[in-house]
Amino acid sequence: MNTPYTSHLRQDEFKSVYDPSEDTFLLLDALENDAKYIQNLKPLTCLEIGTGSGIVTTFLAKILDTQQTIYVATDINPMATKSLLLTVKQNFDTVPIVEPILTNLVGGLSCKFDLIVFNPPYVQSESEEIGTKLFAATSGGIKGREVMDKLFPQLDTIMSDTGVFYLVAIQVNKPKEIIEVMEGYGFIGEILLSRRCGIELLYILKFIRNKQLLQ
């Protein structure tokens, strides 16, 4: 599948939006590799946490290719929510139903989602950097895990019984430990894809509730 167009990101007003990078493209590759699973799931509601440019939600909409699915995308950066709408508009003749929400992680969301994607701030940093304007898209605090660890216990309330959750992580986040932590919340996980980018080893993790559904 073609990578969605994000030409508007070259405009000055989108300087604060996270530019698609190696981690983004690894996530797109993982979603494409898992396309059959996603299509067979037939999700009616998809959620991207921290949408940034909107390229991931747009790519998901291309995989599913249906007007029956609603795509919700959150971000704490108002320019990211604007970027999402522009990215979707650039890549579809018939625009899917997309709802950008300005919030932190999943704050204020009360519905259940069949598919959830999160490329979190995962860089190891000082806790004080988390959520700041300069480092919001990258700084993950201790072990780069503070932001994602905050989300994990909330997944039970926002993910449907047959839902799936895709997560980006790096080696310092301890992916195998993340899988163990998620088991404590009632999820089964696997490393779906990994790739070395320079000195960094990137991972895409996949989680579901029921072991029988993991393929």
Protein backbone atom coordinates (compact mmCIF):
# COMPACT_ATOMS: atom_id res chain seq x y z
CA MET A 1 0.00 0.00 0.00
CA ASN A 2 1.13 3.53 -0.70
CA THR A 3 2.17 5.72 2.21
CA PRO A 4 -0.44 8.48 2.71
CA TYR A 5 0.42 11.99 1.53
CA THR A 6 1.31 14.52 4.23
CA SER A 7 2.51 17.43 2.10
CA HIS A 8 0.90 20.00 4.42
CA LEU A 9 3.49 19.17 7.10
CA ARG A 10 5.96 21.34 5.18
CA GLN A 11 3.94 24.41 6.16
CA ASP A 12 5.26 26.44 9.11
CA GLU A 13 2.05 26.09 11.11
CA PHE A 14 2.65 22.33 11.43
CA LYS A 15 6.18 22.59 12.87
CA SER A 16 4.91 21.33 16.23
CA VAL A 17 3.39 18.16 14.72
CA TYR A 18 5.40 14.94 15.00
CA ASP A 19 6.79 14.21 11.55
CA PRO A 20 6.41 10.58 10.35
CA SER A 21 9.65 8.77 11.12
CA GLU A 22 11.11 5.25 11.30
CA ASP A 23 8.76 4.25 14.09
CA THR A 24 5.75 5.47 12.11
CA PHE A 25 6.75 3.53 9.01
CA LEU A 26 7.41 0.37 11.03
CA LEU A 27 3.90 0.69 12.47
CA LEU A 28 2.47 1.10 8.96
CA ASP A 29 4.37 -2.00 7.83
CA ALA A 30 3.04 -3.98 10.79
CA LEU A 31 -0.54 -2.89 10.09
CA GLU A 32 -0.15 -3.80 6.41
CA ASN A 33 1.30 -7.21 7.34
CA ASP A 34 -1.67 -7.72 9.66
CA ALA A 35 -4.20 -6.38 7.14
CA LYS A 36 -6.06 -9.69 6.75
CA TYR A 37 -6.52 -9.93 10.50
CA ILE A 38 -7.73 -6.33 10.67
CA GLN A 39 -10.13 -6.76 7.75
CA ASN A 40 -11.55 -9.99 9.19
CA LEU A 41 -12.04 -8.22 12.52
CA LYS A 42 -14.33 -5.72 10.73
CA PRO A 43 -13.87 -3.01 13.37
CA LEU A 44 -16.68 -0.49 13.61
CA THR A 45 -14.68 1.85 15.83
CA CYS A 46 -10.94 2.58 15.62
CA LEU A 47 -8.90 4.77 17.95
CA GLU A 48 -5.46 6.27 17.43
CA ILE A 49 -3.97 7.71 20.60
CA GLY A 50 -1.63 10.60 19.86
CA THR A 51 -2.42 10.99 16.18
CA GLY A 52 0.34 13.45 15.27
CA SER A 53 0.25 13.90 11.48
CA GLY A 54 -2.76 11.58 11.08
CA ILE A 55 -0.87 9.25 8.74
CA VAL A 56 -1.63 6.11 10.79
CA THR A 57 -5.39 6.69 10.99
CA THR A 58 -5.40 7.44 7.26
CA PHE A 59 -3.50 4.23 6.54
CA LEU A 60 -5.94 2.22 8.66
CA ALA A 61 -8.84 3.70 6.73
CA LYS A 62 -7.16 2.60 3.49
CA ILE A 63 -6.74 -0.95 4.82
CA LEU A 64 -10.38 -1.20 5.83
CA ASP A 65 -11.74 0.72 2.82
CA THR A 66 -15.25 1.08 4.20
CA GLN A 67 -17.59 3.87 5.22
CA GLN A 68 -18.95 1.71 8.04
CA THR A 69 -16.05 2.41 10.41
CA ILE A 70 -15.67 5.47 12.64
CA TYR A 71 -12.11 6.67 13.30
CA VAL A 72 -11.42 8.60 16.50
CA ALA A 73 -8.00 10.17 17.03
CA THR A 74 -6.76 11.99 20.12
CA ASP A 75 -3.88 14.39 20.68
CA ILE A 76 -2.93 17.14 23.11
CA ASN A 77 -1.62 19.29 20.25
CA PRO A 78 -4.42 21.21 18.45
CA MET A 79 -2.30 21.38 15.29
CA ALA A 80 -2.16 17.57 15.23
CA THR A 81 -5.94 17.33 15.12
CA LYS A 82 -5.94 19.83 12.24
CA SER A 83 -3.20 17.84 10.49
CA LEU A 84 -5.25 14.65 10.82
CA LEU A 85 -8.20 16.13 8.95
CA LEU A 86 -5.95 17.48 6.20
CA THR A 87 -4.13 14.16 5.81
CA VAL A 88 -7.41 12.28 5.47
CA LYS A 89 -8.76 14.84 3.00
CA GLN A 90 -5.61 14.61 0.84
CA ASN A 91 -5.85 10.83 0.57
CA PHE A 92 -9.53 10.08 -0.05
CA ASP A 93 -12.06 11.13 -2.65
CA THR A 94 -14.83 9.98 -0.30
CA VAL A 95 -13.63 10.98 3.15
CA PRO A 96 -14.27 8.42 5.94
CA ILE A 97 -15.83 9.41 9.26
CA VAL A 98 -12.99 10.83 11.35
CA GLU A 99 -13.39 12.48 14.75
CA PRO A 100 -10.32 14.31 16.13
CA ILE A 101 -10.46 14.90 19.89
CA LEU A 102 -8.19 17.30 21.75
CA THR A 103 -7.36 15.41 24.94
CA ASN A 104 -4.55 13.68 26.83
CA LEU A 105 -4.40 9.97 25.94
CA VAL A 106 -8.01 8.76 26.30
CA GLY A 107 -9.36 11.40 28.67
CA GLY A 108 -13.11 11.86 28.28
CA LEU A 109 -13.64 8.82 26.06
CA SER A 110 -16.39 6.48 27.22
CA CYS A 111 -17.14 4.21 24.24
CA LYS A 112 -15.55 0.88 23.34
CA PHE A 113 -13.12 0.54 20.43
CA ASP A 114 -12.49 -2.52 18.29
CA LEU A 115 -9.01 -1.42 17.24
CA ILE A 116 -6.60 0.84 19.13
CA VAL A 117 -3.20 2.09 17.95
CA PHE A 118 -0.63 3.96 20.03
CA ASN A 119 2.80 5.25 19.02
CA PRO A 120 3.65 6.70 22.43
CA PRO A 121 6.35 9.02 23.68
CA TYR A 122 8.86 6.23 24.46
CA VAL A 123 12.24 7.96 24.80
CA GLN A 124 13.82 7.61 28.25
CA SER A 125 13.84 11.05 29.87
CA GLU A 126 13.33 13.03 33.04
CA SER A 127 9.75 12.74 34.29
CA GLU A 128 9.44 16.53 34.23
CA GLU A 129 9.72 16.55 30.42
CA ILE A 130 6.56 14.49 29.93
CA GLY A 131 3.78 16.47 28.27
CA THR A 132 5.83 19.65 27.87
CA LYS A 133 5.43 21.56 24.63
CA LEU A 134 8.96 20.77 23.42
CA PHE A 135 9.07 17.06 24.34
CA ALA A 136 5.41 15.93 24.40
CA ALA A 137 5.77 13.68 21.34
CA THR A 138 8.96 11.93 22.48
CA SER A 139 9.68 12.02 26.22
CA GLY A 140 8.41 8.96 28.04
CA GLY A 141 10.01 9.42 31.46
CA ILE A 142 11.64 6.57 33.38
CA LYS A 143 12.44 3.64 31.03
CA GLY A 144 10.41 5.62 28.47
CA ARG A 145 7.40 3.89 30.01
CA GLU A 146 5.58 6.41 32.15
CA VAL A 147 3.09 7.50 29.47
CA MET A 148 2.25 4.02 28.20
CA ASP A 149 2.11 2.61 31.76
CA LYS A 150 -0.51 5.26 32.51
CA LEU A 151 -2.62 4.03 29.59
CA PHE A 152 -2.43 0.26 30.17
CA PRO A 153 -4.90 0.05 33.10
CA GLN A 154 -7.41 2.14 31.13
CA LEU A 155 -7.51 -0.21 28.14
CA ASP A 156 -9.97 -2.56 29.81
CA THR A 157 -12.62 0.15 29.85
CA ILE A 158 -12.16 1.38 26.27
CA MET A 159 -11.42 -1.81 24.30
CA SER A 160 -14.17 -4.13 23.09
CA ASP A 161 -14.13 -7.84 24.01
CA THR A 162 -12.87 -8.80 20.55
CA GLY A 163 -10.65 -5.72 20.16
CA VAL A 164 -6.96 -5.47 19.29
CA PHE A 165 -4.30 -3.03 20.47
CA TYR A 166 -1.11 -2.16 18.57
CA LEU A 167 1.75 -0.46 20.44
CA VAL A 168 5.13 0.94 19.37
CA ALA A 169 8.04 0.39 21.76
CA ILE A 170 11.84 0.40 21.82
CA GLN A 171 14.38 -1.84 23.57
CA VAL A 172 14.77 0.43 26.62
CA ASN A 173 11.00 0.10 27.25
CA LYS A 174 11.54 -3.66 27.80
CA PRO A 175 8.93 -5.06 25.38
CA LYS A 176 8.81 -8.50 27.00
CA GLU A 177 8.19 -6.87 30.36
CA ILE A 178 5.37 -4.81 28.79
CA ILE A 179 3.77 -8.07 27.61
CA GLU A 180 3.99 -9.42 31.18
CA VAL A 181 2.49 -6.24 32.61
CA MET A 182 -0.38 -6.41 30.12
CA GLU A 183 -1.03 -10.03 31.09
CA GLY A 184 -1.78 -8.71 34.55
CA TYR A 185 -4.52 -6.57 33.02
CA GLY A 186 -6.03 -9.54 31.21
CA PHE A 187 -4.38 -9.22 27.78
CA ILE A 188 -2.35 -11.62 25.67
CA GLY A 189 0.52 -10.07 23.71
CA GLU A 190 3.16 -10.79 21.12
CA ILE A 191 5.95 -9.01 19.29
CA LEU A 192 4.44 -8.56 15.85
CA LEU A 193 7.40 -6.90 14.12
CA SER A 194 10.81 -5.49 15.00
CA ARG A 195 13.44 -3.55 13.10
CA ARG A 196 16.79 -1.95 13.83
CA CYS A 197 16.98 1.74 12.92
CA GLY A 198 20.50 3.01 13.54
CA ILE A 199 21.35 2.24 17.17
CA GLU A 200 17.68 1.79 18.10
CA LEU A 201 15.67 -1.43 18.02
CA LEU A 202 11.99 -0.73 17.35
CA TYR A 203 9.10 -3.07 18.13
CA ILE A 204 5.42 -3.31 17.30
CA LEU A 205 3.47 -5.18 19.99
CA LYS A 206 0.00 -6.64 19.47
CA PHE A 207 -2.48 -7.34 22.28
CA ILE A 208 -5.89 -8.97 22.44
CA ARG A 209 -8.09 -10.23 25.26
CA ASN A 210 -8.57 -13.83 24.15
CA LYS A 211 -5.63 -16.13 23.41
CA GLN A 212 -7.61 -18.00 20.77
CA LEU A 213 -7.90 -14.82 18.67
CA LEU A 214 -4.15 -14.19 18.50
CA GLN A 215 -2.86 -15.15 15.04
